[in-house]
Protein backbone atom coordinates (compact mmCIF):
# COMPACT_ATOMS: atom_id res chain seq x y z
CA MET A 1 0.27 -0.26 -0.09
CA LYS A 2 1.43 3.40 -0.83
CA THR A 3 1.89 5.37 2.02
CA ASN A 4 3.57 8.31 0.14
CA ARG A 5 0.55 11.01 0.46
CA ARG A 6 0.61 14.52 -0.07
CA ARG A 7 -0.54 16.58 3.31
CA GLU A 8 -1.98 19.72 3.99
CA ARG A 9 -0.06 21.98 5.57
CA THR A 10 -0.17 24.46 8.22
CA THR A 11 0.28 27.94 7.75
CA SER A 12 3.61 29.37 8.29
CA HIS A 13 4.25 32.29 10.07
CA ARG A 14 4.76 34.11 6.47
CA THR A 15 2.73 35.20 3.75
CA ASP A 16 3.79 32.98 0.54
CA VAL A 17 3.30 36.47 -1.78
CA ASN A 18 6.97 36.69 0.09
CA PHE A 19 8.10 33.81 -1.21
CA LEU A 20 12.01 33.82 -2.33
CA PRO A 21 12.23 30.32 -4.12
CA PRO A 22 14.92 27.83 -2.79
CA GLY A 23 17.41 26.72 -5.92
CA LEU A 24 17.69 30.11 -6.98
CA GLU A 25 21.26 31.12 -9.20
CA GLY A 26 24.52 32.11 -7.15
CA GLY A 27 28.10 32.56 -8.27
CA GLN A 28 28.36 36.07 -8.13
CA TYR A 29 31.28 35.91 -6.14
CA ARG A 30 34.09 34.27 -6.91
CA PRO A 31 37.10 34.67 -5.01
CA LEU A 32 39.84 32.79 -6.91
CA SER A 33 40.87 33.32 -10.80
CA ASP A 34 40.99 30.81 -13.41
CA GLU A 35 44.27 30.21 -13.00
CA ALA A 36 44.41 30.08 -9.15
CA VAL A 37 41.33 27.11 -10.07
CA TRP A 38 43.68 25.37 -11.83
CA GLN A 39 46.59 25.48 -9.97
CA ILE A 40 45.04 24.50 -7.30
CA HIS A 41 43.60 21.15 -9.12
CA ALA A 42 46.92 20.44 -10.32
CA ALA A 43 48.03 21.09 -6.80
CA ALA A 44 45.52 18.16 -5.45
CA LEU A 45 46.20 15.82 -8.08
CA THR A 46 49.96 15.90 -7.30
CA VAL A 47 49.55 14.99 -3.26
CA LEU A 48 47.46 12.29 -4.06
CA GLU A 49 49.74 11.03 -6.45
CA ARG A 50 53.28 11.80 -4.27
CA THR A 51 51.60 12.09 -0.65
CA GLY A 52 48.74 9.34 -1.26
CA VAL A 53 46.20 8.59 0.84
CA GLU A 54 46.29 6.01 4.45
CA VAL A 55 44.20 3.32 3.81
CA GLN A 56 43.85 -0.18 6.36
CA GLU A 57 43.67 -3.27 4.78
CA SER A 58 40.59 -3.32 3.62
CA GLU A 59 37.54 -3.99 0.76
CA CYS A 60 38.16 -0.06 -0.43
CA ARG A 61 42.33 -0.87 -0.79
CA ASP A 62 41.56 -3.98 -2.82
CA ILE A 63 39.44 -2.38 -5.32
CA LEU A 64 41.62 0.63 -5.18
CA GLN A 65 44.74 -1.36 -6.43
CA ALA A 66 42.30 -3.50 -9.05
CA ALA A 67 41.57 0.03 -10.60
CA GLY A 68 45.36 0.80 -11.01
CA ALA A 69 46.54 2.44 -7.77
CA ARG A 70 49.35 2.24 -6.33
CA VAL A 71 49.32 0.38 -3.34
CA ASP A 72 52.53 0.34 -0.06
CA ALA A 73 51.01 -2.32 1.83
CA ARG A 74 53.76 -1.57 4.55
CA ARG A 75 52.44 2.04 5.14
CA ASN A 76 48.98 1.19 4.24
CA ARG A 77 49.26 4.53 1.84
CA VAL A 78 47.79 4.47 -1.40
CA TYR A 79 48.45 6.48 -4.51
CA LEU A 80 46.23 7.35 -7.12
CA SER A 81 47.26 8.61 -10.48
CA PRO A 82 45.96 12.17 -12.40
CA GLU A 83 44.26 9.73 -14.96
CA LEU A 84 43.49 7.43 -12.56
CA VAL A 85 41.47 9.98 -10.63
CA GLU A 86 40.59 12.46 -13.41
CA GLY A 87 38.79 9.52 -15.47
CA THR A 88 36.94 7.74 -12.94
CA LEU A 89 35.61 11.23 -12.00
CA LYS A 90 34.25 11.87 -15.79
CA LEU A 91 31.48 9.19 -14.41
CA ALA A 92 30.19 11.07 -10.96
CA ASN A 93 26.61 11.76 -11.22
CA ARG A 94 26.50 16.01 -11.82
CA ARG A 95 22.84 16.53 -11.94
CA VAL A 96 22.18 15.16 -8.24
CA VAL A 97 18.63 15.43 -6.99
CA LEU A 98 17.84 15.23 -2.96
CA TYR A 99 14.39 14.41 -2.89
CA SER A 100 11.68 14.60 -0.83
CA ARG A 101 7.86 13.28 -0.39
CA ASP A 102 6.30 16.22 -1.36
CA GLU A 103 7.94 16.85 -4.79
CA LYS A 104 8.32 20.77 -4.16
CA PHE A 105 10.44 20.41 -1.77
CA ASP A 106 13.24 18.35 -4.25
CA LEU A 107 16.69 19.71 -4.16
CA HIS A 108 17.92 19.93 -7.60
CA LEU A 109 21.97 20.18 -7.00
CA HIS A 110 23.45 21.32 -10.02
CA GLY A 111 24.19 24.70 -11.81
CA LYS A 112 25.02 27.41 -9.25
CA ARG A 113 21.87 26.56 -7.66
CA VAL A 114 21.53 27.54 -3.72
CA HIS A 115 19.78 25.89 -0.93
CA LEU A 116 20.17 27.04 2.89
CA GLY A 117 19.45 24.21 5.50
CA THR A 118 20.29 23.40 9.20
CA GLY A 119 23.05 20.86 10.04
CA GLY A 120 25.41 20.13 12.89
CA ALA A 121 25.70 17.28 15.66
CA ALA A 122 24.71 19.38 18.58
CA VAL A 123 24.66 17.91 22.50
CA GLN A 124 23.01 21.07 23.96
CA VAL A 125 20.21 22.92 23.28
CA LEU A 126 18.88 26.40 24.75
CA ASP A 127 15.94 25.19 26.57
CA LEU A 128 13.16 27.67 25.15
CA VAL A 129 11.29 28.15 28.02
CA SER A 130 13.56 28.35 30.72
CA GLY A 131 16.40 29.58 28.16
CA ARG A 132 19.43 27.34 30.02
CA VAL A 133 21.03 25.04 28.34
CA ARG A 134 20.86 21.42 28.73
CA GLU A 135 21.20 18.28 26.97
CA SER A 136 19.71 17.33 23.49
CA CYS A 137 17.11 14.63 23.54
CA LEU A 138 15.14 12.64 20.83
CA ARG A 139 12.25 14.99 21.40
CA ASP A 140 14.15 18.09 20.65
CA LEU A 141 14.91 16.23 16.83
CA TYR A 142 11.15 15.91 16.61
CA ASP A 143 10.24 19.59 17.61
CA LEU A 144 12.89 21.05 15.49
CA GLY A 145 11.86 19.57 12.48
CA ARG A 146 8.12 20.50 13.05
CA LEU A 147 10.03 24.08 13.36
CA VAL A 148 11.81 23.81 10.20
CA ASP A 149 8.67 22.76 8.24
CA THR A 150 7.10 25.75 8.72
CA LEU A 151 10.35 27.78 7.44
CA ASN A 152 10.17 28.89 4.28
CA ASN A 153 13.87 30.25 3.92
CA ILE A 154 15.28 26.66 5.32
CA HIS A 155 15.05 24.29 2.50
CA PHE A 156 16.10 20.97 3.84
CA TYR A 157 16.57 19.25 7.77
CA LEU A 158 19.78 17.83 8.31
CA ARG A 159 19.63 16.21 11.71
CA PRO A 160 20.98 19.02 14.26
CA VAL A 161 21.41 17.25 17.26
CA VAL A 162 22.17 14.12 18.69
CA PRO A 163 20.00 12.55 21.07
CA ARG A 164 21.99 12.55 24.42
CA ASP A 165 18.47 10.15 25.58
CA VAL A 166 19.08 7.35 23.18
CA ALA A 167 21.56 4.53 23.37
CA ASN A 168 24.25 4.34 20.57
CA ASP A 169 22.51 1.17 19.07
CA ASP A 170 19.11 2.60 18.61
CA ILE A 171 20.13 6.21 17.69
CA ASP A 172 20.12 6.25 13.77
CA VAL A 173 16.50 4.58 13.44
CA ASN A 174 14.81 6.87 16.02
CA THR A 175 16.95 9.78 14.92
CA PHE A 176 15.80 9.39 11.17
CA TYR A 177 11.99 8.40 12.68
CA ALA A 178 11.67 11.43 14.53
CA SER A 179 12.76 13.73 11.85
CA LEU A 180 11.00 12.21 8.84
CA ALA A 181 8.10 12.35 11.41
CA ALA A 182 8.21 15.83 11.56
CA THR A 183 8.93 17.77 8.45
CA GLY A 184 8.47 16.45 4.42
CA LYS A 185 11.77 18.40 3.51
CA HIS A 186 14.65 16.03 2.55
CA VAL A 187 16.45 14.38 5.48
CA MET A 188 19.89 13.85 6.19
CA GLY A 189 21.72 12.55 8.75
CA GLY A 190 24.87 10.53 9.78
CA CYS A 191 24.45 6.66 10.19
CA TYR A 192 26.97 5.00 13.45
CA PHE A 193 27.30 1.85 12.72
CA PRO A 194 27.90 -0.21 8.87
CA GLU A 195 25.15 -2.66 9.64
CA LYS A 196 22.49 -0.16 10.38
CA VAL A 197 22.47 1.33 6.79
CA ALA A 198 20.25 -1.71 6.12
CA GLU A 199 17.81 -0.69 8.53
CA LEU A 200 17.05 2.69 7.92
CA LYS A 201 16.61 1.83 4.00
CA LYS A 202 14.09 -0.45 5.29
CA ILE A 203 12.74 2.68 6.90
CA GLY A 204 12.91 4.19 3.47
CA VAL A 205 11.13 1.16 1.73
CA LEU A 206 8.08 1.07 4.38
CA ILE A 207 7.87 5.09 4.11
CA ALA A 208 7.48 5.07 0.13
CA GLY A 209 5.59 2.04 0.03
CA ASP A 210 7.90 -0.81 -1.80
CA GLU A 211 12.12 -0.39 -2.60
CA LYS A 212 11.66 0.74 -6.27
CA SER A 213 9.62 3.90 -5.35
CA PHE A 214 12.21 4.18 -2.74
CA LEU A 215 14.67 4.26 -5.15
CA ALA A 216 13.47 6.17 -7.59
CA ARG A 217 13.20 8.88 -4.71
CA PRO A 218 15.43 8.69 -2.31
CA PHE A 219 14.15 10.83 0.27
CA PHE A 220 16.99 10.72 2.74
CA SER A 221 20.41 10.58 2.67
CA LEU A 222 23.46 10.07 4.80
CA ASN A 223 26.82 12.56 5.92
CA LEU A 224 29.51 10.24 6.11
CA GLY A 225 32.61 11.39 7.63
CA TYR A 226 34.74 8.85 5.53
CA MET A 227 38.13 11.12 5.87
CA VAL A 228 40.16 11.62 8.98
CA SER A 229 42.24 14.94 7.90
CA PRO A 230 45.11 14.49 6.73
CA LEU A 231 44.76 12.35 4.27
CA ARG A 232 43.65 9.31 5.84
CA PHE A 233 40.26 7.58 5.41
CA ALA A 234 37.74 6.35 8.17
CA ARG A 235 38.17 2.73 7.98
CA GLU A 236 34.44 1.41 9.91
CA THR A 237 32.96 5.15 7.96
CA LEU A 238 34.52 3.89 4.60
CA GLU A 239 32.43 0.50 5.10
CA THR A 240 29.06 2.61 5.70
CA VAL A 241 29.95 4.92 2.68
CA THR A 242 30.27 1.13 0.64
CA LEU A 243 27.06 0.21 2.37
CA ALA A 244 24.60 2.92 1.13
CA ILE A 245 25.86 3.35 -2.02
CA ARG A 246 25.03 -0.42 -2.74
CA ALA A 247 21.66 0.38 -0.94
CA GLY A 248 21.19 3.35 -3.48
CA ILE A 249 21.49 5.94 -0.72
CA PRO A 250 22.69 9.32 -1.66
CA ILE A 251 25.77 10.34 -0.07
CA VAL A 252 27.96 12.91 1.35
CA LEU A 253 31.47 12.87 1.65
CA VAL A 254 32.51 14.70 4.61
CA SER A 255 35.85 15.83 5.28
CA ALA A 256 36.95 18.84 7.36
CA ALA A 257 40.35 19.73 7.32
CA GLN A 258 41.34 22.46 9.75
CA ALA A 259 43.92 25.11 9.23
CA GLY A 260 46.42 24.87 11.11
CA ALA A 261 45.47 22.21 13.08
CA THR A 262 44.86 19.22 10.69
CA ALA A 263 45.70 20.81 7.17
CA PRO A 264 48.45 23.75 6.83
CA ALA A 265 48.18 27.10 8.21
CA SER A 266 48.48 28.43 4.44
CA LEU A 267 44.29 28.61 3.77
CA VAL A 268 45.35 27.60 0.22
CA GLY A 269 47.29 24.67 1.63
CA THR A 270 43.91 23.83 3.47
CA LEU A 271 41.98 23.92 0.37
CA VAL A 272 44.75 21.87 -1.75
CA GLN A 273 43.99 19.45 0.89
CA THR A 274 40.32 19.39 0.87
CA ILE A 275 40.54 19.07 -2.68
CA ALA A 276 42.87 15.46 -2.55
CA GLU A 277 40.45 14.07 -0.29
CA GLU A 278 37.33 15.14 -1.86
CA LEU A 279 38.87 13.77 -5.34
CA ALA A 280 39.69 10.47 -3.77
CA GLY A 281 36.70 9.77 -2.12
CA PHE A 282 35.29 10.19 -5.46
CA THR A 283 37.16 8.17 -7.09
CA TYR A 284 36.32 5.65 -5.15
CA VAL A 285 32.77 5.88 -5.22
CA GLN A 286 33.04 5.58 -8.98
CA LEU A 287 34.32 2.59 -8.45
CA VAL A 288 31.83 1.04 -6.33
CA ARG A 289 29.45 2.46 -8.39
CA PRO A 290 29.61 5.44 -11.46
CA GLY A 291 27.39 7.92 -11.20
CA HIS A 292 26.07 7.30 -7.30
CA PRO A 293 24.16 10.36 -6.19
CA THR A 294 26.99 11.86 -3.88
CA LEU A 295 27.95 15.26 -3.01
CA MET A 296 31.61 16.59 -2.37
CA GLY A 297 31.73 17.63 1.40
CA GLY A 298 34.60 19.19 1.83
CA MET A 299 34.50 22.18 4.42
CA PRO A 300 37.66 23.26 5.30
CA LEU A 301 37.73 24.88 8.69
CA VAL A 302 39.69 27.62 10.59
CA SER A 303 41.72 27.33 14.34
CA ASP A 304 41.83 30.32 16.05
CA LEU A 305 45.79 29.96 15.78
CA ARG A 306 45.78 31.42 19.58
CA THR A 307 44.21 28.76 21.19
CA GLY A 308 44.34 25.77 18.42
CA SER A 309 39.82 25.87 18.97
CA MET A 310 37.71 25.28 15.73
CA ILE A 311 36.08 28.60 15.20
CA GLY A 312 33.19 28.99 11.97
CA GLY A 313 32.31 33.13 12.35
CA THR A 314 35.34 33.75 10.68
CA ALA A 315 36.06 35.58 7.41
CA GLU A 316 38.77 33.23 6.80
CA LEU A 317 36.12 29.95 6.73
CA ALA A 318 33.67 32.09 4.24
CA LEU A 319 36.85 32.66 1.80
CA MET A 320 37.94 29.07 1.67
CA ASN A 321 33.84 27.57 1.89
CA ALA A 322 33.57 30.06 -1.20
CA ALA A 323 36.65 28.58 -2.95
CA SER A 324 35.77 25.09 -2.02
CA THR A 325 32.52 25.92 -3.72
CA GLN A 326 34.33 27.38 -6.89
CA MET A 327 36.20 24.19 -7.38
CA ALA A 328 33.29 22.07 -7.20
CA HIS A 329 31.84 24.56 -9.82
CA PHE A 330 35.03 23.60 -11.97
CA TYR A 331 34.37 19.83 -11.45
CA GLY A 332 30.33 20.49 -12.38
CA LEU A 333 29.75 18.32 -8.99
CA PRO A 334 27.56 19.25 -6.45
CA ILE A 335 28.63 20.43 -3.12
CA TYR A 336 27.52 20.48 0.61
CA ASN A 337 29.33 23.30 2.38
CA THR A 338 29.38 25.37 5.99
CA CYS A 339 28.59 28.39 6.87
CA GLY A 340 25.77 29.73 9.44
CA ILE A 341 28.61 29.27 12.32
CA THR A 342 29.33 31.05 15.12
CA GLU A 343 31.03 31.19 19.15
CA SER A 344 28.31 33.37 20.54
CA LYS A 345 26.64 31.46 23.23
CA LEU A 346 23.14 33.04 22.69
CA PRO A 347 21.34 34.48 19.93
CA ASP A 348 22.62 37.59 19.80
CA ILE A 349 24.49 40.76 18.19
CA GLN A 350 28.05 38.35 17.07
CA ALA A 351 25.30 35.80 16.45
CA GLY A 352 23.81 37.64 14.36
CA PHE A 353 27.11 39.50 12.60
CA GLU A 354 28.76 35.99 11.89
CA LYS A 355 26.53 33.81 10.41
CA GLY A 356 25.00 36.87 8.32
CA LEU A 357 28.50 37.40 6.86
CA THR A 358 29.36 33.15 6.14
CA ILE A 359 26.06 32.70 4.88
CA ALA A 360 26.16 35.69 2.27
CA VAL A 361 29.33 34.53 1.34
CA THR A 362 28.59 31.12 0.77
CA ALA A 363 25.13 31.58 -1.09
CA LEU A 364 26.67 34.14 -3.14
CA ALA A 365 29.46 31.46 -4.32
CA GLY A 366 26.66 29.78 -5.80
CA ALA A 367 26.98 26.42 -2.85
CA HIS A 368 24.13 23.85 -3.62
CA PHE A 369 23.90 22.64 -0.54
CA ASN A 370 24.67 25.04 2.66
CA HIS A 371 24.52 23.45 5.81
CA HIS A 372 24.60 24.70 9.35
CA ALA A 373 23.03 27.76 8.12
CA ALA A 374 20.26 27.87 10.67
CA GLY A 375 20.11 27.35 14.62
CA MET A 376 24.15 26.52 15.39
CA LEU A 377 25.40 28.50 18.14
CA GLU A 378 28.85 28.06 19.96
CA SER A 379 31.11 26.54 17.98
CA LEU A 380 28.28 23.65 16.87
CA LEU A 381 27.98 22.98 20.30
CA THR A 382 24.86 23.94 21.17
CA VAL A 383 21.69 24.63 18.98
CA ALA A 384 18.47 27.10 20.33
CA TYR A 385 14.77 26.85 18.77
CA GLU A 386 14.79 30.80 18.60
CA GLN A 387 17.87 30.86 16.42
CA TYR A 388 16.23 28.55 13.88
CA ILE A 389 13.57 31.81 13.27
CA ILE A 390 16.40 34.24 13.35
CA ASP A 391 18.18 32.52 10.56
CA ASP A 392 14.95 31.75 8.77
CA ASP A 393 14.71 35.69 8.46
CA ILE A 394 18.95 35.96 7.73
CA GLY A 395 18.03 32.86 4.82
CA GLY A 396 15.43 35.09 3.58
CA GLN A 397 17.60 37.98 2.91
CA VAL A 398 20.33 36.28 1.53
CA MET A 399 18.45 35.08 -0.95
CA ARG A 400 17.09 38.21 -2.29
CA LEU A 401 20.76 38.97 -2.73
CA VAL A 402 21.14 35.67 -4.76
CA ARG A 403 18.16 36.75 -6.88
CA GLY A 404 20.16 39.57 -7.58
CA LEU A 405 19.16 42.63 -10.11
CA GLU A 406 16.68 41.70 -13.47
CA VAL A 407 18.08 44.60 -16.04
CA ASN A 408 15.69 44.57 -18.69
CA GLU A 409 13.06 46.79 -20.56
CA GLU A 410 10.52 47.18 -17.73
CA THR A 411 12.90 47.45 -14.88
CA LEU A 412 14.96 50.14 -16.42
CA SER A 413 11.72 52.00 -15.83
CA LEU A 414 12.08 54.90 -18.21
CA GLU A 415 8.41 55.63 -18.51
CA VAL A 416 8.21 56.02 -14.65
CA ILE A 417 11.16 58.18 -14.77
CA ASP A 418 9.53 60.25 -17.23
CA GLU A 419 6.25 60.13 -16.06
CA VAL A 420 6.74 61.57 -12.29
CA CYS A 421 9.41 63.47 -13.34
CA ASN A 422 7.09 65.31 -15.45
CA GLY A 423 4.28 66.24 -12.89
CA GLU A 424 2.14 63.02 -12.77
CA GLY A 425 2.48 61.99 -9.10
CA HIS A 426 5.26 60.50 -7.54
CA TYR A 427 7.05 57.05 -7.46
CA LEU A 428 5.47 56.16 -4.01
CA GLY A 429 1.93 55.77 -5.25
CA HIS A 430 2.86 54.78 -9.28
CA PRO A 431 0.64 51.68 -9.89
CA GLN A 432 4.66 50.36 -10.89
CA THR A 433 5.61 50.76 -7.10
CA LEU A 434 1.96 48.88 -6.81
CA ALA A 435 2.78 46.07 -9.00
CA LEU A 436 6.73 45.43 -7.55
CA MET A 437 5.45 45.52 -3.90
CA GLN A 438 5.70 42.08 -2.86
CA SER A 439 8.17 41.00 -5.73
CA GLU A 440 10.99 43.87 -6.11
CA PHE A 441 11.36 43.70 -2.31
CA HIS A 442 11.84 40.97 0.45
CA TYR A 443 10.04 42.02 4.17
CA PRO A 444 11.64 40.56 7.13
CA HIS A 445 9.40 38.27 9.33
CA THR A 446 11.19 38.67 12.82
CA ALA A 447 13.44 41.42 12.51
CA ASP A 448 12.04 45.03 13.62
CA ARG A 449 11.39 48.12 11.11
CA GLY A 450 8.28 49.88 12.80
CA THR A 451 8.97 53.52 14.81
CA ARG A 452 10.15 53.33 18.43
CA ARG A 453 6.70 54.04 19.33
CA ASP A 454 5.42 50.84 17.71
CA TRP A 455 8.31 48.79 19.18
CA GLU A 456 7.47 49.66 22.80
CA GLU A 457 3.79 49.73 22.64
CA LYS A 458 4.72 45.52 21.34
CA GLY A 459 6.09 45.05 24.95
CA SER A 460 10.14 46.42 23.30
CA LEU A 461 10.75 42.42 22.71
CA ASP A 462 14.15 42.65 20.95
CA MET A 463 15.05 39.93 17.99
CA ARG A 464 15.41 36.83 20.17
CA GLY A 465 12.21 37.68 22.51
CA ARG A 466 10.45 37.24 19.55
CA ALA A 467 11.49 34.32 17.28
CA ARG A 468 11.30 32.99 21.10
CA LEU A 469 7.46 33.71 20.73
CA GLN A 470 6.85 33.00 17.77
CA ALA A 471 8.57 29.91 18.06
CA GLN A 472 6.53 28.75 20.83
CA GLN A 473 3.71 29.17 18.44
CA LEU A 474 4.39 27.37 15.85
CA LEU A 475 5.53 24.58 18.29
CA GLN A 476 1.91 24.43 19.70
CA THR A 477 0.04 24.55 16.62
CA HIS A 478 1.95 22.79 13.91
CA TYR A 479 1.80 19.24 13.86
CA PRO A 480 2.45 17.57 10.52
CA GLN A 481 0.71 13.61 10.00
CA LEU A 482 3.24 12.59 7.88
CA PHE A 483 2.46 8.83 8.23
CA SER A 484 -0.71 6.81 8.38
CA PRO A 485 -1.56 5.22 12.12
CA ALA A 486 -1.14 2.08 10.10
CA LEU A 487 2.23 2.81 8.97
CA ASP A 488 3.16 4.06 12.18
CA GLN A 489 2.19 1.03 13.60
CA GLN A 490 4.32 -0.72 11.18
CA LEU A 491 7.56 1.28 11.74
CA ARG A 492 6.84 0.45 15.42
CA ASP A 493 6.67 -2.81 15.17
CA SER A 494 10.01 -3.26 12.95
CA PHE A 495 12.09 -1.30 15.09
CA ASN A 496 12.96 0.29 18.57
CA ILE A 497 10.98 3.42 17.93
CA LEU A 498 11.47 5.68 21.57
CA LEU A 499 9.24 8.59 20.64
CA PRO A 500 5.80 8.16 21.86
CA ARG A 501 3.22 8.92 20.02
CA ASP A 502 1.40 11.14 22.68
CA GLN A 503 4.09 13.72 21.87
CA MET A 504 3.36 13.45 18.19
CA ALA A 505 -0.49 15.38 18.12
CA ALA A 506 -1.31 18.56 20.09
């Protein structure tokens, strides 16, 4: 029985007339010259041929060796020739679609189409009621997903927290159950154990109705940290990668070299290492299953060299991820990029400027899949419910930047200028102004633009206060019914589902 049915969506706190669609074309910002792109590509190939990648004895190493890679078994290093890398790269899927159960939320990751979404594996939450930090739990995955389901500028749901109240053996299944029950948008998450891949596929098949339907439109994907920088394949995760490929589940090859710590302090050097790591991963994927839907997951990070800590709300991170995006465009591959990280502990001024900077830069670079773009605080350790509301507002403004300016006979406005300047009315009341009011301009839903008197009459709340109220209201009213009772029972009969049914209804 098919259970993948369209459902009615409750009304968001925004109006559709002010909606900017996902997938707008970016690429206006290019930090690298064409010559620099070629230099970085050549350098990455040199790294793979000369320095190689550490690969423990495994099926992966056997596959690479059979394809012509040189293996030094004593040192567990595999050396990839430029011919092998570039030859297999030609087989890669360059028009990846990350599907949703409702096709209007599909993510078409090609060209320079931009999408913003959640990310992270936070272990703490700023409680929406008390405002205090607590451990994340399974209920947070469901509630944050419900919130994201209503926010138009958050285009996908990458599980943002690790449920600390769930045993390791049950995390993978319960993470995807809670996320898929909360939103019809594309869901992405990790997979801690290789043997859990089959269970996750079974969830997808049960929800889709049959295996053929799921494989035709897989509505969730796996982001897998296959690489331990510098240049070492993570053996167990690589098993998960292989099983996910064979199961038909889309994947992201995540490598996160940290400049000054696990990569050179030179930002360009870190970029070279990142691209080399990604090319090694793509080579392996094509050897297992040519054309498998795969995202480049090279997301170079930055260290504060005074402390050694990873930091994310920086111009350097924005620069490197924009450059990584430019390299992905050079290869014609979709990229999973990072932005929206902040070191701030609260949704405050620091969080706002750090998020706005990095999200705008990577989006304008044309990154396809911008994760961490909503909700994250404290260098990815913490999330806040109200931050998702605020970041959705930031996302709307960013997508307006990405949309850019359309120059044509109508927008040049020669007749309008002539009419107004010759005494026929004024611009504010002109028909063109009324016609363009909702399409040319984007209006925030939480940022305040009123007078001080209006603001005071509404309680003198700052943006965080307004966002907290909106989040509370949405969570009280939005309970999407994505699983029929029969499907839900089938899932509970098949797996150890820990989210109580009574928490999934108003």
